[in-house]
Amino acid sequence: MVTKEALLEYIQQFMEERGVLLSSSELESYNFISEGALDSFEILSLTMGLEAHFSIVVSPSLLLDENNAIVGNLVTAMLEQA
């Protein structure tokens, strides 16, 4: 079963590998689009990594919703979809 904590941990590690250092408390409210932290290729890499690591499918509609550019919103949407 996929948990919120596991998804957040994965995303935090993904961000750190790209030089974005955030505390756990900052991560959920972080908007990776408006901050310019991830380009389209990196968003695709994150999505594919989440799908492979957690054996889930991330719907393209989740990525099209601009509210899901905030990490906490994306995680919530993924959990609701699962």
Protein backbone atom coordinates (compact mmCIF):
# COMPACT_ATOMS: atom_id res chain seq x y z
CA MET A 1 0.00 0.00 0.00
CA VAL A 2 1.23 3.46 -0.92
CA THR A 3 1.40 5.93 1.95
CA LYS A 4 1.61 9.69 2.06
CA GLU A 5 4.87 9.49 3.97
CA ALA A 6 6.46 7.16 1.42
CA LEU A 7 5.43 9.38 -1.50
CA LEU A 8 6.74 12.51 0.24
CA GLU A 9 10.02 10.79 1.08
CA TYR A 10 10.47 9.71 -2.54
CA ILE A 11 9.70 13.19 -3.87
CA GLN A 12 11.99 14.83 -1.31
CA GLN A 13 14.86 12.57 -2.37
CA PHE A 14 14.10 13.28 -6.04
CA MET A 15 14.25 17.02 -5.36
CA GLU A 16 17.46 16.75 -3.34
CA GLU A 17 19.13 14.91 -6.23
CA ARG A 18 18.37 18.00 -8.32
CA GLY A 19 19.76 20.44 -5.76
CA VAL A 20 16.43 21.47 -4.23
CA LEU A 21 16.91 21.19 -0.50
CA LEU A 22 13.69 21.41 1.48
CA SER A 23 12.81 20.49 5.02
CA SER A 24 9.97 18.04 5.49
CA SER A 25 7.73 20.88 6.63
CA GLU A 26 8.51 22.95 3.51
CA LEU A 27 8.05 20.09 1.07
CA GLU A 28 4.25 19.77 1.15
CA SER A 29 3.67 23.44 0.31
CA TYR A 30 6.43 23.62 -2.32
CA ASN A 31 5.29 24.55 -5.83
CA PHE A 32 7.84 22.96 -8.15
CA ILE A 33 6.43 24.71 -11.24
CA SER A 34 6.36 28.31 -10.01
CA GLU A 35 9.78 27.84 -8.39
CA GLY A 36 11.17 26.53 -11.68
CA ALA A 37 12.68 23.57 -9.89
CA LEU A 38 11.67 20.95 -12.45
CA ASP A 39 11.51 21.23 -16.20
CA SER A 40 9.15 19.11 -18.28
CA PHE A 41 11.67 16.28 -18.65
CA GLU A 42 12.24 16.15 -14.89
CA ILE A 43 8.49 16.13 -14.23
CA LEU A 44 8.23 13.17 -16.61
CA SER A 45 11.14 11.50 -14.81
CA LEU A 46 9.47 12.06 -11.44
CA THR A 47 6.20 10.64 -12.71
CA MET A 48 7.84 7.58 -14.23
CA GLY A 49 9.89 7.05 -11.08
CA LEU A 50 6.80 7.20 -8.88
CA GLU A 51 4.97 4.76 -11.14
CA ALA A 52 7.86 2.30 -11.18
CA HIS A 53 8.75 2.56 -7.50
CA PHE A 54 5.20 2.32 -6.14
CA SER A 55 3.58 0.25 -8.92
CA ILE A 56 0.94 2.91 -9.48
CA VAL A 57 -0.36 4.79 -12.49
CA VAL A 58 -0.17 8.57 -12.40
CA SER A 59 -2.99 9.90 -14.55
CA PRO A 60 -2.00 12.61 -17.03
CA SER A 61 -4.95 14.64 -15.74
CA LEU A 62 -3.19 14.90 -12.38
CA LEU A 63 -0.24 16.57 -14.04
CA LEU A 64 -2.44 18.94 -16.05
CA ASP A 65 -4.09 20.31 -12.91
CA GLU A 66 -1.99 23.33 -11.89
CA ASN A 67 -2.99 22.82 -8.25
CA ASN A 68 -0.95 19.61 -8.31
CA ALA A 69 2.26 21.57 -8.88
CA ILE A 70 2.21 21.86 -5.09
CA VAL A 71 3.79 18.68 -3.74
CA GLY A 72 1.20 18.08 -1.01
CA ASN A 73 -1.68 18.45 -3.48
CA LEU A 74 -0.04 16.05 -5.92
CA VAL A 75 0.47 13.46 -3.20
CA THR A 76 -3.14 13.78 -2.04
CA ALA A 77 -4.42 13.45 -5.62
CA MET A 78 -2.26 10.37 -6.19
CA LEU A 79 -3.56 8.73 -3.03
CA GLU A 80 -7.16 9.47 -4.03
CA GLN A 81 -6.55 7.99 -7.46
CA ALA A 82 -4.92 4.80 -6.12
